[in-house]
Amino acid sequence: MLRWALFFLLIGLVAGVLGFGGIAGASFAIAKLLFFVFMLVFLVLLIAGLTVARRVSGG
């Protein structure tokens, strides 16, 4: 998912340099959305992993 966010960010940068404002804005919006979804999933899995590790180790 992070790879897709970087891909859309790159498309947005190239489109912005070439003067395609609408495509650049949409690509930046998609990249930002994907990045925040990635961060949310990462944090949920990190917290779940720490919780499971604490249960398994008996702490």
N, C-alpha and C. Protein backbone atom coordinates (compact mmCIF):
# COMPACT_ATOMS: atom_id res chain seq x y z
N MET A 1 0.82 -1.18 0.00
CA MET A 1 0.00 0.00 0.00
C MET A 1 0.87 1.26 0.00
N LEU A 2 1.96 1.19 0.74
CA LEU A 2 2.86 2.34 0.75
C LEU A 2 3.48 2.55 -0.63
N ARG A 3 3.71 1.47 -1.33
CA ARG A 3 4.25 1.58 -2.69
C ARG A 3 3.27 2.29 -3.62
N TRP A 4 1.97 2.00 -3.46
CA TRP A 4 0.96 2.68 -4.27
C TRP A 4 0.90 4.17 -3.94
N ALA A 5 1.03 4.49 -2.65
CA ALA A 5 1.03 5.89 -2.25
C ALA A 5 2.20 6.63 -2.88
N LEU A 6 3.37 6.02 -2.87
CA LEU A 6 4.53 6.65 -3.50
C LEU A 6 4.37 6.76 -5.01
N PHE A 7 3.73 5.76 -5.61
CA PHE A 7 3.47 5.79 -7.04
C PHE A 7 2.57 6.97 -7.41
N PHE A 8 1.48 7.16 -6.67
CA PHE A 8 0.58 8.27 -6.97
C PHE A 8 1.23 9.61 -6.65
N LEU A 9 2.09 9.64 -5.64
CA LEU A 9 2.83 10.87 -5.35
C LEU A 9 3.74 11.23 -6.52
N LEU A 10 4.42 10.25 -7.07
CA LEU A 10 5.29 10.47 -8.21
C LEU A 10 4.50 10.94 -9.43
N ILE A 11 3.35 10.32 -9.66
CA ILE A 11 2.49 10.75 -10.78
C ILE A 11 2.04 12.19 -10.57
N GLY A 12 1.68 12.54 -9.34
CA GLY A 12 1.26 13.90 -9.04
C GLY A 12 2.37 14.90 -9.26
N LEU A 13 3.59 14.55 -8.86
CA LEU A 13 4.72 15.46 -9.06
C LEU A 13 5.00 15.68 -10.55
N VAL A 14 5.00 14.60 -11.31
CA VAL A 14 5.26 14.71 -12.75
C VAL A 14 4.15 15.50 -13.42
N ALA A 15 2.91 15.23 -13.07
CA ALA A 15 1.79 15.95 -13.67
C ALA A 15 1.83 17.43 -13.29
N GLY A 16 2.23 17.72 -12.06
CA GLY A 16 2.34 19.12 -11.63
C GLY A 16 3.42 19.86 -12.38
N VAL A 17 4.55 19.21 -12.62
CA VAL A 17 5.64 19.84 -13.36
C VAL A 17 5.22 20.09 -14.81
N LEU A 18 4.46 19.16 -15.38
CA LEU A 18 4.03 19.30 -16.76
C LEU A 18 2.82 20.21 -16.93
N GLY A 19 2.21 20.65 -15.82
CA GLY A 19 1.12 21.61 -15.90
C GLY A 19 -0.26 21.01 -15.91
N PHE A 20 -0.39 19.76 -15.58
CA PHE A 20 -1.71 19.13 -15.51
C PHE A 20 -2.22 19.23 -14.08
N GLY A 21 -2.85 20.35 -13.76
CA GLY A 21 -3.25 20.63 -12.38
C GLY A 21 -4.29 19.68 -11.82
N GLY A 22 -5.28 19.33 -12.63
CA GLY A 22 -6.34 18.43 -12.16
C GLY A 22 -5.83 17.04 -11.84
N ILE A 23 -5.02 16.51 -12.73
CA ILE A 23 -4.45 15.18 -12.51
C ILE A 23 -3.50 15.21 -11.33
N ALA A 24 -2.71 16.26 -11.20
CA ALA A 24 -1.77 16.38 -10.10
C ALA A 24 -2.51 16.45 -8.76
N GLY A 25 -3.56 17.23 -8.69
CA GLY A 25 -4.32 17.34 -7.45
C GLY A 25 -4.97 16.03 -7.06
N ALA A 26 -5.53 15.34 -8.04
CA ALA A 26 -6.17 14.05 -7.76
C ALA A 26 -5.14 13.02 -7.31
N SER A 27 -3.98 13.01 -7.95
CA SER A 27 -2.94 12.06 -7.58
C SER A 27 -2.41 12.33 -6.18
N PHE A 28 -2.25 13.60 -5.83
CA PHE A 28 -1.80 13.93 -4.48
C PHE A 28 -2.85 13.52 -3.45
N ALA A 29 -4.12 13.71 -3.77
CA ALA A 29 -5.18 13.33 -2.85
C ALA A 29 -5.21 11.82 -2.63
N ILE A 30 -5.06 11.07 -3.71
CA ILE A 30 -5.03 9.61 -3.60
C ILE A 30 -3.81 9.16 -2.81
N ALA A 31 -2.66 9.77 -3.08
CA ALA A 31 -1.43 9.42 -2.37
C ALA A 31 -1.57 9.70 -0.88
N LYS A 32 -2.16 10.84 -0.53
CA LYS A 32 -2.34 11.19 0.88
C LYS A 32 -3.29 10.21 1.56
N LEU A 33 -4.39 9.88 0.89
CA LEU A 33 -5.34 8.94 1.44
C LEU A 33 -4.70 7.57 1.67
N LEU A 34 -3.98 7.07 0.68
CA LEU A 34 -3.33 5.77 0.81
C LEU A 34 -2.28 5.78 1.92
N PHE A 35 -1.56 6.87 2.06
CA PHE A 35 -0.55 6.96 3.11
C PHE A 35 -1.20 6.88 4.49
N PHE A 36 -2.29 7.63 4.69
CA PHE A 36 -2.93 7.61 6.00
C PHE A 36 -3.60 6.26 6.29
N VAL A 37 -4.14 5.61 5.28
CA VAL A 37 -4.69 4.27 5.47
C VAL A 37 -3.57 3.30 5.83
N PHE A 38 -2.42 3.42 5.16
CA PHE A 38 -1.27 2.59 5.48
C PHE A 38 -0.84 2.80 6.93
N MET A 39 -0.75 4.05 7.37
CA MET A 39 -0.34 4.34 8.74
C MET A 39 -1.34 3.78 9.75
N LEU A 40 -2.63 3.88 9.46
CA LEU A 40 -3.65 3.36 10.35
C LEU A 40 -3.53 1.84 10.47
N VAL A 41 -3.40 1.15 9.35
CA VAL A 41 -3.25 -0.31 9.37
C VAL A 41 -1.97 -0.69 10.10
N PHE A 42 -0.89 0.04 9.87
CA PHE A 42 0.37 -0.24 10.55
C PHE A 42 0.22 -0.13 12.06
N LEU A 43 -0.40 0.96 12.52
CA LEU A 43 -0.57 1.15 13.96
C LEU A 43 -1.47 0.10 14.59
N VAL A 44 -2.54 -0.27 13.92
CA VAL A 44 -3.43 -1.31 14.43
C VAL A 44 -2.69 -2.64 14.54
N LEU A 45 -1.95 -3.00 13.53
CA LEU A 45 -1.20 -4.26 13.57
C LEU A 45 -0.08 -4.21 14.60
N LEU A 46 0.55 -3.06 14.78
CA LEU A 46 1.60 -2.92 15.78
C LEU A 46 1.03 -3.11 17.18
N ILE A 47 -0.09 -2.47 17.47
CA ILE A 47 -0.71 -2.61 18.78
C ILE A 47 -1.19 -4.04 18.99
N ALA A 48 -1.78 -4.64 17.97
CA ALA A 48 -2.23 -6.03 18.08
C ALA A 48 -1.05 -6.96 18.31
N GLY A 49 0.04 -6.73 17.61
CA GLY A 49 1.23 -7.57 17.78
C GLY A 49 1.82 -7.45 19.17
N LEU A 50 1.86 -6.25 19.71
CA LEU A 50 2.38 -6.06 21.06
C LEU A 50 1.47 -6.71 22.10
N THR A 51 0.16 -6.65 21.87
CA THR A 51 -0.78 -7.26 22.79
C THR A 51 -0.66 -8.78 22.77
N VAL A 52 -0.55 -9.36 21.60
CA VAL A 52 -0.41 -10.81 21.48
C VAL A 52 0.92 -11.26 22.08
N ALA A 53 1.98 -10.51 21.84
CA ALA A 53 3.29 -10.88 22.38
C ALA A 53 3.26 -10.84 23.90
N ARG A 54 2.54 -9.90 24.47
CA ARG A 54 2.45 -9.81 25.93
C ARG A 54 1.67 -11.00 26.49
N ARG A 55 0.62 -11.43 25.78
CA ARG A 55 -0.15 -12.59 26.24
C ARG A 55 0.64 -13.88 26.12
N VAL A 56 1.41 -14.03 25.04
CA VAL A 56 2.17 -15.26 24.81
C VAL A 56 3.30 -15.38 25.82
N SER A 57 3.96 -14.28 26.12
CA SER A 57 5.10 -14.33 27.04
C SER A 57 4.64 -14.37 28.50
N GLY A 58 3.36 -14.14 28.75
CA GLY A 58 2.84 -14.22 30.11
C GLY A 58 3.05 -12.97 30.93
N GLY A 59 3.44 -11.87 30.27
CA GLY A 59 3.71 -10.63 31.01
C GLY A 59 2.50 -9.84 31.15
